[in-house]
Amino acid sequence: MAKEPEAPEKQEEQEQPATKSGAKSLVVGIALLAALMVGSASAAVVIASLALRPAEAVTPAHAEPEDDASADPSETSSDPVTYDMEDPLIVNVRDTQQRRFLSVKPVFTVASAKDVAALQKKEVELKHILITVLKSKTLEQLDDPQIANTLSREIQEQLNAKLDVGKAITKVQFTQLVVQ
């Protein structure tokens, strides 16, 4: 009852699956390598096109313009300038039984770039005045269809009076005014 050595036919059958799986691995490897090469070439084209494109100057609305002695006098005009706060202000609504919030993002129109610089230096005071005015409003007042105009006028008067900037703020508008 000794085992006989396996027939050569059985050995060939066992070797064939190993050769088939090796061939499959080779095909998969080549396909992955080709995909990697295509992806790398695409990335190189995108990067090259970005590098060849001229840089565009982007100035955020709240940034202070640069003083340039060589600036064309026709470019320096007395057109109004806007200053917007980066983040919205969120305050609690007064006299509510539930937790209600008011979220606003004001944009201030001022006479010149110097006024923008003055507002930036007094941003803490500016936010304090805004919060004080906004927190004084009840839900009933905030439901008024004219609330944006009312708040705009009141905030403009308070800021011009308390920030010691004269009448620098000529208009207050809102890019966000939400009661939740």
N, C-alpha and C. Protein backbone atom coordinates (compact mmCIF):
# COMPACT_ATOMS: atom_id res chain seq x y z
N MET A 1 0.80 -1.15 0.00
CA MET A 1 0.00 0.00 0.00
C MET A 1 0.86 1.24 0.00
N ALA A 2 1.88 1.10 -0.68
CA ALA A 2 2.73 2.25 -0.85
C ALA A 2 2.18 3.10 -1.97
N LYS A 3 2.37 4.35 -1.81
CA LYS A 3 1.86 5.27 -2.81
C LYS A 3 2.76 5.24 -4.01
N GLU A 4 2.13 5.24 -5.11
CA GLU A 4 2.89 5.29 -6.33
C GLU A 4 3.20 6.73 -6.66
N PRO A 5 4.34 6.97 -7.26
CA PRO A 5 4.62 8.34 -7.66
C PRO A 5 3.55 8.81 -8.63
N GLU A 6 3.27 10.12 -8.54
CA GLU A 6 2.21 10.68 -9.37
C GLU A 6 2.61 10.60 -10.82
N ALA A 7 1.64 10.40 -11.60
CA ALA A 7 1.88 10.31 -13.03
C ALA A 7 2.29 11.66 -13.57
N PRO A 8 3.12 11.69 -14.60
CA PRO A 8 3.55 12.95 -15.18
C PRO A 8 2.39 13.80 -15.66
N GLU A 9 1.27 13.19 -16.04
CA GLU A 9 0.13 13.95 -16.51
C GLU A 9 -0.42 14.82 -15.39
N LYS A 10 -0.48 14.29 -14.18
CA LYS A 10 -1.02 15.05 -13.05
C LYS A 10 -0.11 16.21 -12.70
N GLN A 11 1.19 16.03 -12.86
CA GLN A 11 2.12 17.12 -12.55
C GLN A 11 1.94 18.25 -13.54
N GLU A 12 1.70 17.95 -14.80
CA GLU A 12 1.49 18.99 -15.81
C GLU A 12 0.22 19.76 -15.52
N GLU A 13 -0.83 19.06 -15.06
CA GLU A 13 -2.09 19.72 -14.75
C GLU A 13 -1.90 20.70 -13.60
N GLN A 14 -1.07 20.37 -12.63
CA GLN A 14 -0.84 21.25 -11.49
C GLN A 14 0.01 22.45 -11.90
N GLU A 15 0.89 22.30 -12.87
CA GLU A 15 1.75 23.40 -13.30
C GLU A 15 0.98 24.38 -14.18
N GLN A 16 0.00 23.93 -14.93
CA GLN A 16 -0.73 24.80 -15.82
C GLN A 16 -1.48 25.90 -15.06
N PRO A 17 -2.17 25.63 -13.95
CA PRO A 17 -2.84 26.72 -13.24
C PRO A 17 -1.84 27.76 -12.74
N ALA A 18 -0.67 27.34 -12.34
CA ALA A 18 0.32 28.28 -11.86
C ALA A 18 0.76 29.19 -13.00
N THR A 19 0.91 28.67 -14.19
CA THR A 19 1.32 29.46 -15.33
C THR A 19 0.20 30.42 -15.72
N LYS A 20 -1.05 30.00 -15.66
CA LYS A 20 -2.18 30.87 -15.99
C LYS A 20 -2.29 32.02 -15.01
N SER A 21 -2.12 31.76 -13.70
CA SER A 21 -2.23 32.84 -12.71
C SER A 21 -1.05 33.80 -12.86
N GLY A 22 0.11 33.31 -13.24
CA GLY A 22 1.27 34.17 -13.48
C GLY A 22 1.04 35.08 -14.67
N ALA A 23 0.41 34.54 -15.69
CA ALA A 23 0.11 35.34 -16.89
C ALA A 23 -0.92 36.42 -16.55
N LYS A 24 -1.91 36.08 -15.74
CA LYS A 24 -2.92 37.06 -15.33
C LYS A 24 -2.29 38.18 -14.52
N SER A 25 -1.39 37.82 -13.62
CA SER A 25 -0.71 38.82 -12.81
C SER A 25 0.12 39.75 -13.68
N LEU A 26 0.76 39.19 -14.69
CA LEU A 26 1.57 40.00 -15.59
C LEU A 26 0.70 40.97 -16.39
N VAL A 27 -0.45 40.52 -16.86
CA VAL A 27 -1.36 41.38 -17.62
C VAL A 27 -1.90 42.50 -16.72
N VAL A 28 -2.28 42.16 -15.50
CA VAL A 28 -2.78 43.17 -14.56
C VAL A 28 -1.68 44.18 -14.24
N GLY A 29 -0.48 43.72 -14.03
CA GLY A 29 0.65 44.61 -13.74
C GLY A 29 0.92 45.57 -14.88
N ILE A 30 0.88 45.06 -16.10
CA ILE A 30 1.11 45.91 -17.28
C ILE A 30 -0.01 46.94 -17.40
N ALA A 31 -1.25 46.53 -17.15
CA ALA A 31 -2.38 47.45 -17.24
C ALA A 31 -2.25 48.56 -16.18
N LEU A 32 -1.87 48.22 -14.96
CA LEU A 32 -1.69 49.23 -13.92
C LEU A 32 -0.55 50.18 -14.27
N LEU A 33 0.52 49.65 -14.81
CA LEU A 33 1.66 50.48 -15.21
C LEU A 33 1.24 51.46 -16.31
N ALA A 34 0.46 50.99 -17.27
CA ALA A 34 -0.01 51.85 -18.36
C ALA A 34 -0.92 52.95 -17.80
N ALA A 35 -1.82 52.60 -16.88
CA ALA A 35 -2.71 53.60 -16.28
C ALA A 35 -1.91 54.64 -15.50
N LEU A 36 -0.90 54.21 -14.80
CA LEU A 36 -0.04 55.13 -14.05
C LEU A 36 0.68 56.08 -14.99
N MET A 37 1.16 55.57 -16.10
CA MET A 37 1.87 56.42 -17.06
C MET A 37 0.93 57.44 -17.69
N VAL A 38 -0.29 57.03 -18.03
CA VAL A 38 -1.27 57.95 -18.61
C VAL A 38 -1.63 59.03 -17.59
N GLY A 39 -1.84 58.64 -16.35
CA GLY A 39 -2.16 59.61 -15.30
C GLY A 39 -1.03 60.60 -15.07
N SER A 40 0.19 60.12 -15.07
CA SER A 40 1.34 61.00 -14.89
C SER A 40 1.47 61.98 -16.04
N ALA A 41 1.26 61.51 -17.25
CA ALA A 41 1.33 62.39 -18.42
C ALA A 41 0.25 63.46 -18.36
N SER A 42 -0.96 63.08 -17.95
CA SER A 42 -2.05 64.05 -17.83
C SER A 42 -1.72 65.10 -16.78
N ALA A 43 -1.20 64.68 -15.66
CA ALA A 43 -0.83 65.63 -14.60
C ALA A 43 0.26 66.58 -15.08
N ALA A 44 1.22 66.07 -15.82
CA ALA A 44 2.30 66.91 -16.34
C ALA A 44 1.75 67.97 -17.29
N VAL A 45 0.79 67.60 -18.13
CA VAL A 45 0.19 68.56 -19.06
C VAL A 45 -0.56 69.65 -18.30
N VAL A 46 -1.33 69.28 -17.29
CA VAL A 46 -2.08 70.26 -16.50
C VAL A 46 -1.12 71.21 -15.78
N ILE A 47 -0.10 70.68 -15.16
CA ILE A 47 0.87 71.51 -14.43
C ILE A 47 1.59 72.44 -15.39
N ALA A 48 1.97 71.95 -16.54
CA ALA A 48 2.66 72.79 -17.52
C ALA A 48 1.76 73.91 -18.00
N SER A 49 0.48 73.63 -18.24
CA SER A 49 -0.43 74.68 -18.71
C SER A 49 -0.65 75.73 -17.64
N LEU A 50 -0.68 75.33 -16.37
CA LEU A 50 -0.83 76.29 -15.28
C LEU A 50 0.41 77.14 -15.12
N ALA A 51 1.56 76.55 -15.32
CA ALA A 51 2.81 77.28 -15.16
C ALA A 51 3.00 78.30 -16.28
N LEU A 52 2.47 78.04 -17.45
CA LEU A 52 2.63 78.95 -18.57
C LEU A 52 1.62 80.09 -18.56
N ARG A 53 0.53 79.94 -17.81
CA ARG A 53 -0.51 80.96 -17.74
C ARG A 53 -0.01 82.13 -16.91
N PRO A 54 -0.24 83.38 -17.34
CA PRO A 54 0.22 84.53 -16.55
C PRO A 54 -0.56 84.62 -15.25
N ALA A 55 0.12 85.04 -14.22
CA ALA A 55 -0.50 85.15 -12.90
C ALA A 55 -1.50 86.28 -12.91
N GLU A 56 -2.64 86.04 -12.25
CA GLU A 56 -3.67 87.07 -12.14
C GLU A 56 -3.64 87.62 -10.73
N ALA A 57 -3.72 88.92 -10.63
CA ALA A 57 -3.72 89.56 -9.32
C ALA A 57 -5.11 89.45 -8.73
N VAL A 58 -5.21 88.90 -7.54
CA VAL A 58 -6.49 88.77 -6.85
C VAL A 58 -6.39 89.56 -5.56
N THR A 59 -7.28 90.52 -5.41
CA THR A 59 -7.29 91.34 -4.20
C THR A 59 -8.63 91.15 -3.52
N PRO A 60 -8.65 90.64 -2.30
CA PRO A 60 -9.91 90.48 -1.61
C PRO A 60 -10.55 91.84 -1.34
N ALA A 61 -11.87 91.85 -1.20
CA ALA A 61 -12.59 93.10 -1.02
C ALA A 61 -12.20 93.81 0.27
N HIS A 62 -11.75 93.07 1.25
CA HIS A 62 -11.42 93.69 2.53
C HIS A 62 -9.95 94.10 2.62
N ALA A 63 -9.19 93.87 1.55
CA ALA A 63 -7.76 94.19 1.58
C ALA A 63 -7.54 95.68 1.33
N GLU A 64 -6.48 96.18 1.94
CA GLU A 64 -6.13 97.58 1.77
C GLU A 64 -5.34 97.73 0.48
N PRO A 65 -5.73 98.69 -0.38
CA PRO A 65 -4.98 98.86 -1.62
C PRO A 65 -3.58 99.38 -1.36
N GLU A 66 -2.65 99.01 -2.26
CA GLU A 66 -1.26 99.43 -2.08
C GLU A 66 -1.09 100.85 -2.58
N ASP A 67 -0.24 101.62 -1.91
CA ASP A 67 0.10 102.97 -2.37
C ASP A 67 1.21 102.82 -3.38
N ASP A 68 0.99 103.30 -4.57
CA ASP A 68 1.99 103.20 -5.62
C ASP A 68 2.26 104.59 -6.16
N ALA A 69 3.48 105.08 -6.00
CA ALA A 69 3.84 106.43 -6.42
C ALA A 69 3.76 106.57 -7.93
N SER A 70 3.93 105.47 -8.64
CA SER A 70 3.90 105.54 -10.09
C SER A 70 2.51 105.30 -10.66
N ALA A 71 1.50 105.30 -9.81
CA ALA A 71 0.14 105.04 -10.28
C ALA A 71 -0.35 106.18 -11.15
N ASP A 72 -1.13 105.83 -12.14
CA ASP A 72 -1.71 106.80 -13.05
C ASP A 72 -2.74 107.63 -12.30
N PRO A 73 -2.69 108.96 -12.35
CA PRO A 73 -3.64 109.79 -11.63
C PRO A 73 -5.08 109.53 -12.02
N SER A 74 -5.32 109.08 -13.24
CA SER A 74 -6.69 108.79 -13.66
C SER A 74 -7.25 107.57 -12.95
N GLU A 75 -6.34 106.68 -12.47
CA GLU A 75 -6.79 105.48 -11.76
C GLU A 75 -7.14 105.77 -10.32
N THR A 76 -6.58 106.79 -9.73
CA THR A 76 -6.87 107.13 -8.34
C THR A 76 -8.04 108.09 -8.34
N SER A 77 -9.21 107.56 -8.06
CA SER A 77 -10.40 108.38 -8.06
C SER A 77 -11.03 108.37 -6.67
N SER A 78 -12.03 109.16 -6.53
CA SER A 78 -12.70 109.24 -5.23
C SER A 78 -13.95 108.37 -5.23
N ASP A 79 -13.93 107.28 -5.99
CA ASP A 79 -15.05 106.36 -6.00
C ASP A 79 -15.16 105.67 -4.65
N PRO A 80 -16.38 105.38 -4.23
CA PRO A 80 -16.55 104.68 -2.95
C PRO A 80 -15.88 103.31 -2.96
N VAL A 81 -15.46 102.87 -1.80
CA VAL A 81 -14.79 101.60 -1.62
C VAL A 81 -15.61 100.79 -0.63
N THR A 82 -15.64 99.46 -0.79
CA THR A 82 -16.38 98.63 0.16
C THR A 82 -15.44 97.86 1.06
N TYR A 83 -15.92 97.60 2.25
CA TYR A 83 -15.20 96.79 3.24
C TYR A 83 -16.18 95.76 3.75
N ASP A 84 -15.86 94.50 3.57
CA ASP A 84 -16.75 93.47 4.09
C ASP A 84 -16.02 92.62 5.11
N MET A 85 -16.77 92.19 6.09
CA MET A 85 -16.22 91.34 7.14
C MET A 85 -16.12 89.93 6.59
N GLU A 86 -15.03 89.24 6.93
CA GLU A 86 -14.81 87.90 6.40
C GLU A 86 -15.85 86.90 6.89
N ASP A 87 -16.18 86.96 8.17
CA ASP A 87 -17.10 85.99 8.75
C ASP A 87 -18.40 86.67 9.14
N PRO A 88 -19.51 85.95 9.04
CA PRO A 88 -20.77 86.54 9.48
C PRO A 88 -20.81 86.64 11.01
N LEU A 89 -21.59 87.59 11.49
CA LEU A 89 -21.82 87.73 12.93
C LEU A 89 -23.08 86.96 13.28
N ILE A 90 -23.04 86.21 14.37
CA ILE A 90 -24.20 85.45 14.80
C ILE A 90 -24.51 85.87 16.23
N VAL A 91 -25.75 86.31 16.46
CA VAL A 91 -26.15 86.76 17.80
C VAL A 91 -27.48 86.11 18.17
N ASN A 92 -27.76 86.07 19.47
CA ASN A 92 -29.04 85.59 19.95
C ASN A 92 -30.10 86.66 19.72
N VAL A 93 -31.32 86.22 19.40
CA VAL A 93 -32.44 87.14 19.24
C VAL A 93 -33.02 87.40 20.63
N ARG A 94 -33.34 88.66 20.91
CA ARG A 94 -33.83 89.07 22.22
C ARG A 94 -35.28 88.64 22.43
N ASP A 95 -35.62 88.35 23.67
CA ASP A 95 -36.99 88.07 24.11
C ASP A 95 -37.66 86.91 23.39
N THR A 96 -36.98 85.79 23.27
CA THR A 96 -37.62 84.61 22.69
C THR A 96 -37.56 83.48 23.72
N GLN A 97 -38.60 82.66 23.71
CA GLN A 97 -38.65 81.51 24.62
C GLN A 97 -37.72 80.41 24.13
N GLN A 98 -37.50 80.37 22.84
CA GLN A 98 -36.63 79.36 22.25
C GLN A 98 -35.30 80.00 21.90
N ARG A 99 -34.34 79.15 21.57
CA ARG A 99 -33.04 79.67 21.12
C ARG A 99 -33.19 80.06 19.65
N ARG A 100 -33.15 81.35 19.39
CA ARG A 100 -33.24 81.88 18.03
C ARG A 100 -31.98 82.69 17.76
N PHE A 101 -31.51 82.64 16.53
CA PHE A 101 -30.28 83.31 16.17
C PHE A 101 -30.48 84.23 14.97
N LEU A 102 -29.68 85.27 14.94
CA LEU A 102 -29.62 86.18 13.80
C LEU A 102 -28.20 86.12 13.26
N SER A 103 -28.08 85.85 11.97
CA SER A 103 -26.76 85.79 11.33
C SER A 103 -26.73 86.86 10.24
N VAL A 104 -25.73 87.74 10.32
CA VAL A 104 -25.60 88.81 9.33
C VAL A 104 -24.16 88.89 8.82
N LYS A 105 -24.04 89.29 7.58
CA LYS A 105 -22.72 89.56 6.99
C LYS A 105 -22.83 90.92 6.32
N PRO A 106 -22.39 91.98 7.04
CA PRO A 106 -22.52 93.33 6.49
C PRO A 106 -21.38 93.69 5.55
N VAL A 107 -21.68 94.61 4.63
CA VAL A 107 -20.69 95.20 3.74
C VAL A 107 -20.83 96.71 3.92
N PHE A 108 -19.71 97.37 4.21
CA PHE A 108 -19.71 98.80 4.48
C PHE A 108 -19.15 99.55 3.27
N THR A 109 -19.86 100.55 2.80
CA THR A 109 -19.36 101.42 1.75
C THR A 109 -18.79 102.65 2.41
N VAL A 110 -17.54 102.96 2.07
CA VAL A 110 -16.85 104.11 2.66
C VAL A 110 -16.32 104.98 1.53
N ALA A 111 -15.91 106.19 1.89
CA ALA A 111 -15.51 107.17 0.88
C ALA A 111 -14.18 106.84 0.22
N SER A 112 -13.23 106.28 0.96
CA SER A 112 -11.90 106.08 0.38
C SER A 112 -11.20 104.87 1.01
N ALA A 113 -10.06 104.53 0.44
CA ALA A 113 -9.25 103.42 0.96
C ALA A 113 -8.72 103.74 2.36
N LYS A 114 -8.49 105.02 2.64
CA LYS A 114 -8.05 105.40 3.99
C LYS A 114 -9.10 105.05 5.03
N ASP A 115 -10.38 105.20 4.64
CA ASP A 115 -11.47 104.85 5.56
C ASP A 115 -11.53 103.34 5.79
N VAL A 116 -11.19 102.55 4.77
CA VAL A 116 -11.14 101.10 4.94
C VAL A 116 -10.06 100.75 5.96
N ALA A 117 -8.90 101.39 5.84
CA ALA A 117 -7.81 101.15 6.78
C ALA A 117 -8.23 101.53 8.20
N ALA A 118 -8.98 102.63 8.34
CA ALA A 118 -9.45 103.06 9.66
C ALA A 118 -10.42 102.04 10.24
N LEU A 119 -11.30 101.48 9.41
CA LEU A 119 -12.24 100.45 9.89
C LEU A 119 -11.51 99.18 10.28
N GLN A 120 -10.50 98.81 9.51
CA GLN A 120 -9.75 97.60 9.83
C GLN A 120 -9.06 97.74 11.18
N LYS A 121 -8.54 98.92 11.48
CA LYS A 121 -7.86 99.14 12.76
C LYS A 121 -8.84 99.09 13.92
N LYS A 122 -10.10 99.41 13.64
CA LYS A 122 -11.11 99.46 14.71
C LYS A 122 -12.11 98.31 14.59
N GLU A 123 -11.67 97.20 14.02
CA GLU A 123 -12.59 96.09 13.77
C GLU A 123 -13.21 95.53 15.05
N VAL A 124 -12.47 95.49 16.14
CA VAL A 124 -13.02 94.97 17.40
C VAL A 124 -14.16 95.87 17.87
N GLU A 125 -13.94 97.17 17.84
CA GLU A 125 -14.99 98.11 18.23
C GLU A 125 -16.18 98.02 17.28
N LEU A 126 -15.89 97.90 15.99
CA LEU A 126 -16.93 97.78 14.98
C LEU A 126 -17.82 96.58 15.26
N LYS A 127 -17.21 95.43 15.53
CA LYS A 127 -17.99 94.22 15.84
C LYS A 127 -18.80 94.38 17.11
N HIS A 128 -18.22 95.03 18.12
CA HIS A 128 -18.93 95.25 19.38
C HIS A 128 -20.19 96.09 19.15
N ILE A 129 -20.07 97.15 18.37
CA ILE A 129 -21.22 98.00 18.09
C ILE A 129 -22.27 97.22 17.30
N LEU A 130 -21.83 96.44 16.30
CA LEU A 130 -22.76 95.62 15.53
C LEU A 130 -23.51 94.64 16.42
N ILE A 131 -22.80 93.95 17.28
CA ILE A 131 -23.43 92.98 18.18
C ILE A 131 -24.43 93.67 19.09
N THR A 132 -24.07 94.82 19.61
CA THR A 132 -24.98 95.56 20.50
C THR A 132 -26.27 95.94 19.77
N VAL A 133 -26.15 96.45 18.57
CA VAL A 133 -27.34 96.84 17.80
C VAL A 133 -28.17 95.61 17.46
N LEU A 134 -27.54 94.56 16.99
CA LEU A 134 -28.26 93.35 16.56
C LEU A 134 -28.95 92.65 17.72
N LYS A 135 -28.29 92.58 18.88
CA LYS A 135 -28.88 91.89 20.04
C LYS A 135 -30.06 92.66 20.63
N SER A 136 -30.21 93.92 20.27
CA SER A 136 -31.32 94.71 20.81
C SER A 136 -32.63 94.43 20.07
N LYS A 137 -32.59 93.68 19.00
CA LYS A 137 -33.78 93.44 18.18
C LYS A 137 -34.54 92.20 18.65
N THR A 138 -35.86 92.36 18.70
CA THR A 138 -36.73 91.24 19.06
C THR A 138 -37.11 90.48 17.79
N LEU A 139 -37.69 89.31 17.97
CA LEU A 139 -38.11 88.50 16.84
C LEU A 139 -39.19 89.24 16.04
N GLU A 140 -40.07 89.93 16.74
CA GLU A 140 -41.12 90.71 16.06
C GLU A 140 -40.51 91.80 15.17
N GLN A 141 -39.49 92.48 15.67
CA GLN A 141 -38.83 93.50 14.87
C GLN A 141 -38.12 92.89 13.67
N LEU A 142 -37.53 91.73 13.86
CA LEU A 142 -36.79 91.08 12.78
C LEU A 142 -37.73 90.51 11.70
N ASP A 143 -39.01 90.31 12.03
CA ASP A 143 -39.98 89.82 11.05
C ASP A 143 -40.48 90.93 10.12
N ASP A 144 -40.16 92.18 10.42
CA ASP A 144 -40.57 93.31 9.59
C ASP A 144 -39.90 93.20 8.22
N PRO A 145 -40.67 93.36 7.14
CA PRO A 145 -40.08 93.27 5.79
C PRO A 145 -39.01 94.33 5.53
N GLN A 146 -39.04 95.43 6.27
CA GLN A 146 -38.07 96.52 6.08
C GLN A 146 -36.88 96.42 7.03
N ILE A 147 -36.68 95.26 7.67
CA ILE A 147 -35.64 95.14 8.70
C ILE A 147 -34.25 95.41 8.14
N ALA A 148 -33.98 95.01 6.91
CA ALA A 148 -32.65 95.25 6.35
C ALA A 148 -32.37 96.75 6.25
N ASN A 149 -33.36 97.51 5.78
CA ASN A 149 -33.18 98.97 5.69
C ASN A 149 -33.06 99.60 7.07
N THR A 150 -33.89 99.15 8.01
CA THR A 150 -33.85 99.69 9.37
C THR A 150 -32.49 99.43 10.02
N LEU A 151 -32.04 98.18 9.94
CA LEU A 151 -30.74 97.82 10.51
C LEU A 151 -29.62 98.59 9.83
N SER A 152 -29.68 98.70 8.53
CA SER A 152 -28.65 99.41 7.78
C SER A 152 -28.51 100.85 8.27
N ARG A 153 -29.63 101.55 8.39
CA ARG A 153 -29.61 102.95 8.85
C ARG A 153 -29.10 103.06 10.27
N GLU A 154 -29.61 102.20 11.15
CA GLU A 154 -29.23 102.26 12.56
C GLU A 154 -27.74 101.93 12.75
N ILE A 155 -27.26 100.92 12.07
CA ILE A 155 -25.84 100.53 12.19
C ILE A 155 -24.94 101.64 11.65
N GLN A 156 -25.32 102.22 10.51
CA GLN A 156 -24.53 103.31 9.93
C GLN A 156 -24.43 104.49 10.91
N GLU A 157 -25.56 104.88 11.51
CA GLU A 157 -25.55 106.00 12.47
C GLU A 157 -24.68 105.69 13.68
N GLN A 158 -24.83 104.48 14.23
CA GLN A 158 -24.07 104.10 15.43
C GLN A 158 -22.57 104.04 15.15
N LEU A 159 -22.19 103.45 14.03
CA LEU A 159 -20.77 103.32 13.71
C LEU A 159 -20.13 104.68 13.45
N ASN A 160 -20.80 105.53 12.69
CA ASN A 160 -20.24 106.86 12.42
C ASN A 160 -20.12 107.68 13.70
N ALA A 161 -21.05 107.51 14.61
CA ALA A 161 -21.02 108.29 15.86
C ALA A 161 -19.98 107.76 16.84
N LYS A 162 -19.86 106.44 16.96
CA LYS A 162 -19.03 105.86 18.02
C LYS A 162 -17.62 105.46 17.60
N LEU A 163 -17.37 105.30 16.31
CA LEU A 163 -16.04 104.87 15.88
C LEU A 163 -15.08 106.02 15.66
N ASP A 164 -15.55 107.22 15.77
CA ASP A 164 -14.71 108.41 15.58
C ASP A 164 -14.07 108.40 14.20
N VAL A 165 -14.89 108.12 13.20
CA VAL A 165 -14.42 108.14 11.82
C VAL A 165 -15.18 109.18 11.00
N GLY A 166 -15.82 110.11 11.68
CA GLY A 166 -16.61 111.12 10.99
C GLY A 166 -17.82 110.48 10.33
N LYS A 167 -18.06 110.83 9.10
CA LYS A 167 -19.17 110.24 8.33
C LYS A 167 -18.59 109.31 7.26
N ALA A 168 -17.56 108.57 7.63
CA ALA A 168 -16.84 107.72 6.68
C ALA A 168 -17.74 106.63 6.09
N ILE A 169 -18.61 106.06 6.89
CA ILE A 169 -19.48 104.98 6.40
C ILE A 169 -20.68 105.62 5.72
N THR A 170 -20.76 105.42 4.41
CA THR A 170 -21.84 106.04 3.66
C THR A 170 -23.03 105.11 3.43
N LYS A 171 -22.78 103.79 3.55
CA LYS A 171 -23.86 102.83 3.34
C LYS A 171 -23.51 101.51 4.02
N VAL A 172 -24.53 100.84 4.54
CA VAL A 172 -24.37 99.49 5.10
C VAL A 172 -25.35 98.59 4.36
N GLN A 173 -24.83 97.51 3.80
CA GLN A 173 -25.67 96.55 3.11
C GLN A 173 -25.37 95.16 3.67
N PHE A 174 -26.24 94.20 3.40
CA PHE A 174 -26.06 92.85 3.92
C PHE A 174 -25.99 91.85 2.78
N THR A 175 -24.97 91.00 2.81
CA THR A 175 -24.91 89.90 1.88
C THR A 175 -25.52 88.65 2.50
N GLN A 176 -25.79 88.72 3.80
CA GLN A 176 -26.47 87.64 4.51
C GLN A 176 -27.24 88.25 5.66
N LEU A 177 -28.51 87.86 5.79
CA LEU A 177 -29.34 88.32 6.90
C LEU A 177 -30.35 87.20 7.14
N VAL A 178 -30.06 86.35 8.12
CA VAL A 178 -30.86 85.16 8.36
C VAL A 178 -31.27 85.07 9.82
N VAL A 179 -32.55 84.80 10.05
CA VAL A 179 -33.06 84.54 11.40
C VAL A 179 -33.40 83.06 11.47
N GLN A 180 -32.85 82.38 12.47
CA GLN A 180 -33.13 80.94 12.62
C GLN A 180 -33.69 80.68 14.00
